[in-house]
Amino acid sequence: MTAQTGESPLAGLRTVVTGASSGIGKAIAVAFSAAGARVGIGFARSLDAAQALAGELPGEQLLLQADLSTEDGCNSIVAEAFGALGNVDVWVNNAGADVLTGDAAAWPAERKLHALVELDLKATIRCSRLAAARMRPGGCILNVGWDHATIDGMEGENPELFAAVKAGVLGFSKSFARSVAPEVRVNVLCPGWIETAFGAEADRDFYAEVQDSTPLRRWGRPEDVAGAAVWLASPAAAFITGQAVNVNGGAVG
């Protein structure tokens, strides 16, 4: 998993990004492609969006449709990806349950928790294990957490649920990094307030409060997270594993 001098940082690497049809996942897929990787686009229901993304990227892209909230879905996406690509050098577990926008915003807490556990936590664990077992030495797994699970937390029902689940992702990833070292590296991206669908719909007073309390004085963009992902997957981060990288504009609590 090395790039020659002058090549793009991920030249020739085969990558899978789950939840790649929109938001942070889409930005990661675009950034990895721009850095020279061939990208497998993981998605659950948004076929049109996934096809549109594939059309934006150069070369032939692999579409991987699966319901990762189920064990069968995790098994199938990993088997299909490795079968089609021969090997996967980088696996990005980005897929997550949206319980903040649309009809899901009104779900009771128990239903939200179930969705988050099944997709954000269990799918991350399942896909990490399945992918690492097939990866050749030098492989890299990136899991997506949340910065509030690494710093001071946040009050409220939704933040409680997110923090609990993403803390589970962080704890698993740190332990799993030890289990699969030195053959595979495992790290966690921990975005802060990022302008995805939630940011676009956020109350304007809350939006301004977040912006004012962030040292860099703005909300993050999906591309900010994608840039960190490219670096963590690249040879420049070859001695980094078991770490959480906060992408949050310097917020500490």
C-alpha atoms as a PDB file:
ATOM      1  CA  MET A   1       0.000   0.000   0.000  1.00  0.00           C
ATOM      2  CA  THR A   2       2.644   2.492  -1.069  1.00  0.00           C
ATOM      3  CA  ALA A   3       2.583   5.301  -3.584  1.00  0.00           C
ATOM      4  CA  GLN A   4       5.557   6.287  -5.712  1.00  0.00           C
ATOM      5  CA  THR A   5       6.942   9.803  -5.482  1.00  0.00           C
ATOM      6  CA  GLY A   6       4.843  12.151  -7.597  1.00  0.00           C
ATOM      7  CA  GLU A   7       1.812   9.863  -7.693  1.00  0.00           C
ATOM      8  CA  SER A   8      -1.518  10.653  -6.146  1.00  0.00           C
ATOM      9  CA  PRO A   9      -1.520   9.607  -2.461  1.00  0.00           C
ATOM     10  CA  LEU A  10      -3.963   6.725  -2.991  1.00  0.00           C
ATOM     11  CA  ALA A  11      -2.908   5.765  -6.517  1.00  0.00           C
ATOM     12  CA  GLY A  12      -4.188   2.317  -7.442  1.00  0.00           C
ATOM     13  CA  LEU A  13      -5.779   1.554  -4.088  1.00  0.00           C
ATOM     14  CA  ARG A  14      -9.112  -0.225  -4.052  1.00  0.00           C
ATOM     15  CA  THR A  15     -11.481   1.423  -1.612  1.00  0.00           C
ATOM     16  CA  VAL A  16     -15.004   0.839  -0.339  1.00  0.00           C
ATOM     17  CA  VAL A  17     -16.998   3.663   1.253  1.00  0.00           C
ATOM     18  CA  THR A  18     -20.290   2.698   2.870  1.00  0.00           C
ATOM     19  CA  GLY A  19     -23.066   5.282   2.974  1.00  0.00           C
ATOM     20  CA  ALA A  20     -21.445   6.961  -0.010  1.00  0.00           C
ATOM     21  CA  SER A  21     -24.506   8.298  -1.821  1.00  0.00           C
ATOM     22  CA  SER A  22     -24.662  11.594   0.105  1.00  0.00           C
ATOM     23  CA  GLY A  23     -23.071  13.826   2.744  1.00  0.00           C
ATOM     24  CA  ILE A  24     -19.749  12.889   4.277  1.00  0.00           C
ATOM     25  CA  GLY A  25     -19.652   9.520   2.536  1.00  0.00           C
ATOM     26  CA  LYS A  26     -20.056  11.104  -0.882  1.00  0.00           C
ATOM     27  CA  ALA A  27     -17.306  13.629  -0.134  1.00  0.00           C
ATOM     28  CA  ILE A  28     -14.982  10.812   0.948  1.00  0.00           C
ATOM     29  CA  ALA A  29     -15.710   8.846  -2.216  1.00  0.00           C
ATOM     30  CA  VAL A  30     -15.011  11.903  -4.383  1.00  0.00           C
ATOM     31  CA  ALA A  31     -11.788  12.700  -2.508  1.00  0.00           C
ATOM     32  CA  PHE A  32     -10.512   9.126  -2.685  1.00  0.00           C
ATOM     33  CA  SER A  33     -11.194   9.006  -6.424  1.00  0.00           C
ATOM     34  CA  ALA A  34      -9.396  12.315  -6.915  1.00  0.00           C
ATOM     35  CA  ALA A  35      -6.454  10.894  -4.950  1.00  0.00           C
ATOM     36  CA  GLY A  36      -6.162   7.989  -7.370  1.00  0.00           C
ATOM     37  CA  ALA A  37      -8.217   5.242  -5.738  1.00  0.00           C
ATOM     38  CA  ARG A  38     -10.836   3.059  -7.366  1.00  0.00           C
ATOM     39  CA  VAL A  39     -13.973   3.458  -5.265  1.00  0.00           C
ATOM     40  CA  GLY A  40     -16.718   1.005  -4.384  1.00  0.00           C
ATOM     41  CA  ILE A  41     -19.840   3.068  -3.663  1.00  0.00           C
ATOM     42  CA  GLY A  42     -21.835   1.536  -0.824  1.00  0.00           C
ATOM     43  CA  PHE A  43     -25.494   2.500  -0.428  1.00  0.00           C
ATOM     44  CA  ALA A  44     -28.753   1.100   0.901  1.00  0.00           C
ATOM     45  CA  ARG A  45     -31.712   2.657  -0.938  1.00  0.00           C
ATOM     46  CA  SER A  46     -30.523   5.721  -2.876  1.00  0.00           C
ATOM     47  CA  LEU A  47     -29.780   4.031  -6.199  1.00  0.00           C
ATOM     48  CA  ASP A  48     -30.246   7.192  -8.262  1.00  0.00           C
ATOM     49  CA  ALA A  49     -27.849   9.156  -6.070  1.00  0.00           C
ATOM     50  CA  ALA A  50     -25.281   6.350  -6.126  1.00  0.00           C
ATOM     51  CA  GLN A  51     -25.478   6.104  -9.910  1.00  0.00           C
ATOM     52  CA  ALA A  52     -25.151   9.879 -10.206  1.00  0.00           C
ATOM     53  CA  LEU A  53     -22.027   9.803  -8.046  1.00  0.00           C
ATOM     54  CA  ALA A  54     -20.545   6.977 -10.108  1.00  0.00           C
ATOM     55  CA  GLY A  55     -21.137   9.081 -13.210  1.00  0.00           C
ATOM     56  CA  GLU A  56     -19.193  11.974 -11.690  1.00  0.00           C
ATOM     57  CA  LEU A  57     -16.103   9.881 -10.979  1.00  0.00           C
ATOM     58  CA  PRO A  58     -13.548   8.913 -13.629  1.00  0.00           C
ATOM     59  CA  GLY A  59     -13.281   5.315 -14.748  1.00  0.00           C
ATOM     60  CA  GLU A  60     -15.522   2.421 -13.863  1.00  0.00           C
ATOM     61  CA  GLN A  61     -16.942   2.501 -10.342  1.00  0.00           C
ATOM     62  CA  LEU A  62     -18.453  -0.372  -8.390  1.00  0.00           C
ATOM     63  CA  LEU A  63     -21.956   0.036  -6.937  1.00  0.00           C
ATOM     64  CA  LEU A  64     -22.537  -1.970  -3.756  1.00  0.00           C
ATOM     65  CA  GLN A  65     -26.129  -2.041  -2.513  1.00  0.00           C
ATOM     66  CA  ALA A  66     -26.797  -3.616   0.872  1.00  0.00           C
ATOM     67  CA  ASP A  67     -28.806  -3.117   4.041  1.00  0.00           C
ATOM     68  CA  LEU A  68     -25.985  -2.935   6.554  1.00  0.00           C
ATOM     69  CA  SER A  69     -28.379  -2.944   9.498  1.00  0.00           C
ATOM     70  CA  THR A  70     -28.545  -6.718   8.987  1.00  0.00           C
ATOM     71  CA  GLU A  71     -25.888  -9.379   9.322  1.00  0.00           C
ATOM     72  CA  ASP A  72     -26.677 -10.686   5.822  1.00  0.00           C
ATOM     73  CA  GLY A  73     -26.213  -7.204   4.380  1.00  0.00           C
ATOM     74  CA  CYS A  74     -22.764  -6.860   5.931  1.00  0.00           C
ATOM     75  CA  ASN A  75     -21.747 -10.301   4.714  1.00  0.00           C
ATOM     76  CA  SER A  76     -22.966  -9.598   1.196  1.00  0.00           C
ATOM     77  CA  ILE A  77     -21.294  -6.198   0.723  1.00  0.00           C
ATOM     78  CA  VAL A  78     -17.906  -7.469   1.876  1.00  0.00           C
ATOM     79  CA  ALA A  79     -18.134 -10.626  -0.245  1.00  0.00           C
ATOM     80  CA  GLU A  80     -19.247  -8.663  -3.318  1.00  0.00           C
ATOM     81  CA  ALA A  81     -16.560  -6.003  -2.896  1.00  0.00           C
ATOM     82  CA  PHE A  82     -13.683  -8.417  -2.516  1.00  0.00           C
ATOM     83  CA  GLY A  83     -15.065 -10.632  -5.265  1.00  0.00           C
ATOM     84  CA  ALA A  84     -15.279  -7.738  -7.728  1.00  0.00           C
ATOM     85  CA  LEU A  85     -12.086  -5.927  -6.746  1.00  0.00           C
ATOM     86  CA  GLY A  86      -9.881  -8.894  -5.865  1.00  0.00           C
ATOM     87  CA  ASN A  87      -8.762  -7.088  -2.742  1.00  0.00           C
ATOM     88  CA  VAL A  88      -9.832  -4.005  -0.796  1.00  0.00           C
ATOM     89  CA  ASP A  89      -6.990  -1.829   0.466  1.00  0.00           C
ATOM     90  CA  VAL A  90      -9.130   0.697   2.342  1.00  0.00           C
ATOM     91  CA  TRP A  91     -12.542   0.115   3.915  1.00  0.00           C
ATOM     92  CA  VAL A  92     -14.454   3.159   5.196  1.00  0.00           C
ATOM     93  CA  ASN A  93     -17.366   2.425   7.546  1.00  0.00           C
ATOM     94  CA  ASN A  94     -19.335   5.636   7.072  1.00  0.00           C
ATOM     95  CA  ALA A  95     -22.928   4.356   6.851  1.00  0.00           C
ATOM     96  CA  GLY A  96     -25.078   5.626   9.704  1.00  0.00           C
ATOM     97  CA  ALA A  97     -28.712   5.971  10.669  1.00  0.00           C
ATOM     98  CA  ASP A  98     -30.259   9.392  10.078  1.00  0.00           C
ATOM     99  CA  VAL A  99     -32.506   9.937  13.085  1.00  0.00           C
ATOM    100  CA  LEU A 100     -32.341  13.733  12.980  1.00  0.00           C
ATOM    101  CA  THR A 101     -34.121  14.660   9.753  1.00  0.00           C
ATOM    102  CA  GLY A 102     -37.318  13.699   7.964  1.00  0.00           C
ATOM    103  CA  ASP A 103     -39.849  11.377   9.575  1.00  0.00           C
ATOM    104  CA  ALA A 104     -37.135   9.800  11.742  1.00  0.00           C
ATOM    105  CA  ALA A 105     -36.742  13.016  13.721  1.00  0.00           C
ATOM    106  CA  ALA A 106     -40.079  12.265  15.405  1.00  0.00           C
ATOM    107  CA  TRP A 107     -39.273   8.651  16.269  1.00  0.00           C
ATOM    108  CA  PRO A 108     -39.340   7.686  19.967  1.00  0.00           C
ATOM    109  CA  ALA A 109     -35.933   7.334  21.607  1.00  0.00           C
ATOM    110  CA  GLU A 110     -36.063   3.533  21.691  1.00  0.00           C
ATOM    111  CA  ARG A 111     -36.560   3.311  17.936  1.00  0.00           C
ATOM    112  CA  LYS A 112     -33.742   5.793  17.315  1.00  0.00           C
ATOM    113  CA  LEU A 113     -31.429   3.853  19.598  1.00  0.00           C
ATOM    114  CA  HIS A 114     -32.228   0.593  17.825  1.00  0.00           C
ATOM    115  CA  ALA A 115     -31.474   2.131  14.418  1.00  0.00           C
ATOM    116  CA  LEU A 116     -28.197   3.641  15.610  1.00  0.00           C
ATOM    117  CA  VAL A 117     -27.011   0.457  17.285  1.00  0.00           C
ATOM    118  CA  GLU A 118     -27.816  -1.719  14.280  1.00  0.00           C
ATOM    119  CA  LEU A 119     -26.263   0.530  11.621  1.00  0.00           C
ATOM    120  CA  ASP A 120     -23.668   2.762  13.281  1.00  0.00           C
ATOM    121  CA  LEU A 121     -22.304   0.243  15.770  1.00  0.00           C
ATOM    122  CA  LYS A 122     -23.057  -3.328  14.720  1.00  0.00           C
ATOM    123  CA  ALA A 123     -22.425  -2.738  11.018  1.00  0.00           C
ATOM    124  CA  THR A 124     -19.114  -1.065  11.816  1.00  0.00           C
ATOM    125  CA  ILE A 125     -18.059  -4.031  13.927  1.00  0.00           C
ATOM    126  CA  ARG A 126     -19.257  -6.624  11.419  1.00  0.00           C
ATOM    127  CA  CYS A 127     -17.798  -4.979   8.328  1.00  0.00           C
ATOM    128  CA  SER A 128     -14.498  -4.236  10.081  1.00  0.00           C
ATOM    129  CA  ARG A 129     -14.062  -7.854  11.077  1.00  0.00           C
ATOM    130  CA  LEU A 130     -15.128  -9.248   7.718  1.00  0.00           C
ATOM    131  CA  ALA A 131     -12.974  -6.839   5.720  1.00  0.00           C
ATOM    132  CA  ALA A 132      -9.875  -7.216   7.898  1.00  0.00           C
ATOM    133  CA  ALA A 133     -10.058 -11.002   7.624  1.00  0.00           C
ATOM    134  CA  ARG A 134      -9.743 -10.713   3.822  1.00  0.00           C
ATOM    135  CA  MET A 135      -7.347  -7.773   3.546  1.00  0.00           C
ATOM    136  CA  ARG A 136      -3.772  -8.205   2.513  1.00  0.00           C
ATOM    137  CA  PRO A 137      -1.071  -6.774   4.800  1.00  0.00           C
ATOM    138  CA  GLY A 138      -1.037  -2.993   4.586  1.00  0.00           C
ATOM    139  CA  GLY A 139      -4.813  -2.650   4.659  1.00  0.00           C
ATOM    140  CA  CYS A 140      -6.586   0.244   6.321  1.00  0.00           C
ATOM    141  CA  ILE A 141      -9.986   0.563   7.992  1.00  0.00           C
ATOM    142  CA  LEU A 142     -11.530   3.936   8.805  1.00  0.00           C
ATOM    143  CA  ASN A 143     -14.537   4.096  11.097  1.00  0.00           C
ATOM    144  CA  VAL A 144     -16.678   7.180  11.650  1.00  0.00           C
ATOM    145  CA  GLY A 145     -17.348   8.368  15.192  1.00  0.00           C
ATOM    146  CA  TRP A 146     -18.407  11.706  16.674  1.00  0.00           C
ATOM    147  CA  ASP A 147     -16.245  14.290  18.390  1.00  0.00           C
ATOM    148  CA  HIS A 148     -18.703  14.658  21.296  1.00  0.00           C
ATOM    149  CA  ALA A 149     -17.993  11.040  22.206  1.00  0.00           C
ATOM    150  CA  THR A 150     -14.331  11.945  22.714  1.00  0.00           C
ATOM    151  CA  ILE A 151     -14.658  15.283  24.533  1.00  0.00           C
ATOM    152  CA  ASP A 152     -17.264  16.687  26.944  1.00  0.00           C
ATOM    153  CA  GLY A 153     -20.511  15.316  25.557  1.00  0.00           C
ATOM    154  CA  MET A 154     -23.710  17.244  24.946  1.00  0.00           C
ATOM    155  CA  GLU A 155     -27.024  17.367  26.742  1.00  0.00           C
ATOM    156  CA  GLY A 156     -30.250  16.175  25.136  1.00  0.00           C
ATOM    157  CA  GLU A 157     -31.855  12.929  24.049  1.00  0.00           C
ATOM    158  CA  ASN A 158     -30.374  12.724  20.550  1.00  0.00           C
ATOM    159  CA  PRO A 159     -26.823  13.608  21.651  1.00  0.00           C
ATOM    160  CA  GLU A 160     -27.057  11.023  24.444  1.00  0.00           C
ATOM    161  CA  LEU A 161     -27.901   8.316  21.934  1.00  0.00           C
ATOM    162  CA  PHE A 162     -25.275   9.389  19.413  1.00  0.00           C
ATOM    163  CA  ALA A 163     -22.567   9.713  22.051  1.00  0.00           C
ATOM    164  CA  ALA A 164     -23.289   6.272  23.482  1.00  0.00           C
ATOM    165  CA  VAL A 165     -23.201   4.554  20.102  1.00  0.00           C
ATOM    166  CA  LYS A 166     -20.209   6.443  18.738  1.00  0.00           C
ATOM    167  CA  ALA A 167     -18.294   5.841  21.973  1.00  0.00           C
ATOM    168  CA  GLY A 168     -18.894   2.174  21.245  1.00  0.00           C
ATOM    169  CA  VAL A 169     -17.419   2.636  17.768  1.00  0.00           C
ATOM    170  CA  LEU A 170     -14.382   4.332  19.297  1.00  0.00           C
ATOM    171  CA  GLY A 171     -13.848   1.673  21.960  1.00  0.00           C
ATOM    172  CA  PHE A 172     -14.221  -1.152  19.472  1.00  0.00           C
ATOM    173  CA  SER A 173     -11.862   0.483  16.987  1.00  0.00           C
ATOM    174  CA  LYS A 174      -9.092   1.001  19.532  1.00  0.00           C
ATOM    175  CA  SER A 175      -9.269  -2.626  20.614  1.00  0.00           C
ATOM    176  CA  PHE A 176      -9.672  -3.951  17.068  1.00  0.00           C
ATOM    177  CA  ALA A 177      -6.624  -1.969  15.949  1.00  0.00           C
ATOM    178  CA  ARG A 178      -4.580  -4.044  18.392  1.00  0.00           C
ATOM    179  CA  SER A 179      -6.200  -7.277  17.267  1.00  0.00           C
ATOM    180  CA  VAL A 180      -5.351  -6.842  13.590  1.00  0.00           C
ATOM    181  CA  ALA A 181      -1.965  -5.088  13.897  1.00  0.00           C
ATOM    182  CA  PRO A 182       0.495  -5.026  12.259  1.00  0.00           C
ATOM    183  CA  GLU A 183      -1.232  -6.207   9.080  1.00  0.00           C
ATOM    184  CA  VAL A 184      -4.152  -3.736   9.124  1.00  0.00           C
ATOM    185  CA  ARG A 185      -4.428  -0.203  10.506  1.00  0.00           C
ATOM    186  CA  VAL A 186      -7.690   0.969  12.127  1.00  0.00           C
ATOM    187  CA  ASN A 187      -8.489   4.592  12.923  1.00  0.00           C
ATOM    188  CA  VAL A 188     -11.559   6.689  13.696  1.00  0.00           C
ATOM    189  CA  LEU A 189     -12.691   9.919  12.077  1.00  0.00           C
ATOM    190  CA  CYS A 190     -14.670  12.020  14.556  1.00  0.00           C
ATOM    191  CA  PRO A 191     -16.515  14.835  12.772  1.00  0.00           C
ATOM    192  CA  GLY A 192     -17.915  17.749  14.713  1.00  0.00           C
ATOM    193  CA  TRP A 193     -20.692  19.966  13.370  1.00  0.00           C
ATOM    194  CA  ILE A 194     -20.680  19.336   9.625  1.00  0.00           C
ATOM    195  CA  GLU A 195     -22.982  20.978   7.084  1.00  0.00           C
ATOM    196  CA  THR A 196     -24.862  17.910   5.931  1.00  0.00           C
ATOM    197  CA  ALA A 197     -28.668  17.692   5.726  1.00  0.00           C
ATOM    198  CA  PHE A 198     -28.907  18.286   9.485  1.00  0.00           C
ATOM    199  CA  GLY A 199     -26.848  21.462   9.293  1.00  0.00           C
ATOM    200  CA  ALA A 200     -28.931  22.771   6.436  1.00  0.00           C
ATOM    201  CA  GLU A 201     -32.128  22.281   8.445  1.00  0.00           C
ATOM    202  CA  ALA A 202     -30.752  23.413  11.807  1.00  0.00           C
ATOM    203  CA  ASP A 203     -32.373  26.288  13.706  1.00  0.00           C
ATOM    204  CA  ARG A 204     -30.541  29.461  12.674  1.00  0.00           C
ATOM    205  CA  ASP A 205     -29.865  30.518  16.263  1.00  0.00           C
ATOM    206  CA  PHE A 206     -28.330  27.132  16.975  1.00  0.00           C
ATOM    207  CA  TYR A 207     -26.392  27.327  13.717  1.00  0.00           C
ATOM    208  CA  ALA A 208     -24.933  30.681  14.733  1.00  0.00           C
ATOM    209  CA  GLU A 209     -24.149  29.420  18.238  1.00  0.00           C
ATOM    210  CA  VAL A 210     -22.147  26.516  16.841  1.00  0.00           C
ATOM    211  CA  GLN A 211     -20.288  28.800  14.464  1.00  0.00           C
ATOM    212  CA  ASP A 212     -19.436  31.314  17.193  1.00  0.00           C
ATOM    213  CA  SER A 213     -18.238  28.628  19.625  1.00  0.00           C
ATOM    214  CA  THR A 214     -15.943  26.952  17.090  1.00  0.00           C
ATOM    215  CA  PRO A 215     -12.392  28.350  17.082  1.00  0.00           C
ATOM    216  CA  LEU A 216     -12.287  28.329  13.271  1.00  0.00           C
ATOM    217  CA  ARG A 217     -15.620  30.211  13.276  1.00  0.00           C
ATOM    218  CA  ARG A 218     -17.533  28.058  10.830  1.00  0.00           C
ATOM    219  CA  TRP A 219     -19.326  24.749  10.455  1.00  0.00           C
ATOM    220  CA  GLY A 220     -17.292  22.025   8.885  1.00  0.00           C
ATOM    221  CA  ARG A 221     -17.863  20.806   5.352  1.00  0.00           C
ATOM    222  CA  PRO A 222     -18.004  17.173   4.258  1.00  0.00           C
ATOM    223  CA  GLU A 223     -14.825  17.881   2.293  1.00  0.00           C
ATOM    224  CA  ASP A 224     -13.009  18.671   5.556  1.00  0.00           C
ATOM    225  CA  VAL A 225     -13.718  15.158   6.806  1.00  0.00           C
ATOM    226  CA  ALA A 226     -12.812  13.685   3.433  1.00  0.00           C
ATOM    227  CA  GLY A 227      -9.405  15.365   3.510  1.00  0.00           C
ATOM    228  CA  ALA A 228      -8.636  13.771   6.860  1.00  0.00           C
ATOM    229  CA  ALA A 229      -9.794  10.407   5.536  1.00  0.00           C
ATOM    230  CA  VAL A 230      -7.458  10.586   2.541  1.00  0.00           C
ATOM    231  CA  TRP A 231      -4.546  11.401   4.825  1.00  0.00           C
ATOM    232  CA  LEU A 232      -5.304   8.560   7.255  1.00  0.00           C
ATOM    233  CA  ALA A 233      -5.525   6.099   4.371  1.00  0.00           C
ATOM    234  CA  SER A 234      -2.324   7.315   2.735  1.00  0.00           C
ATOM    235  CA  PRO A 235       1.290   6.238   3.269  1.00  0.00           C
ATOM    236  CA  ALA A 236       1.801   9.523   5.147  1.00  0.00           C
ATOM    237  CA  ALA A 237      -0.155   7.986   8.052  1.00  0.00           C
ATOM    238  CA  ALA A 238       1.505   4.569   7.869  1.00  0.00           C
ATOM    239  CA  PHE A 239       2.562   4.690  11.550  1.00  0.00           C
ATOM    240  CA  ILE A 240      -0.866   5.703  12.866  1.00  0.00           C
ATOM    241  CA  THR A 241      -3.368   3.163  14.179  1.00  0.00           C
ATOM    242  CA  GLY A 242      -5.877   2.978  17.012  1.00  0.00           C
ATOM    243  CA  GLN A 243      -6.352   6.749  16.988  1.00  0.00           C
ATOM    244  CA  ALA A 244      -9.332   9.106  16.904  1.00  0.00           C
ATOM    245  CA  VAL A 245      -8.961  12.237  14.787  1.00  0.00           C
ATOM    246  CA  ASN A 246     -11.383  15.032  15.628  1.00  0.00           C
ATOM    247  CA  VAL A 247     -12.410  17.049  12.566  1.00  0.00           C
ATOM    248  CA  ASN A 248     -14.245  19.834  14.358  1.00  0.00           C
ATOM    249  CA  GLY A 249     -12.560  23.190  13.856  1.00  0.00           C
ATOM    250  CA  GLY A 250     -10.807  23.071  17.204  1.00  0.00           C
ATOM    251  CA  ALA A 251     -13.825  22.643  19.486  1.00  0.00           C
ATOM    252  CA  VAL A 252     -12.830  21.038  22.772  1.00  0.00           C
ATOM    253  CA  GLY A 253     -16.070  20.932  24.748  1.00  0.00           C
END
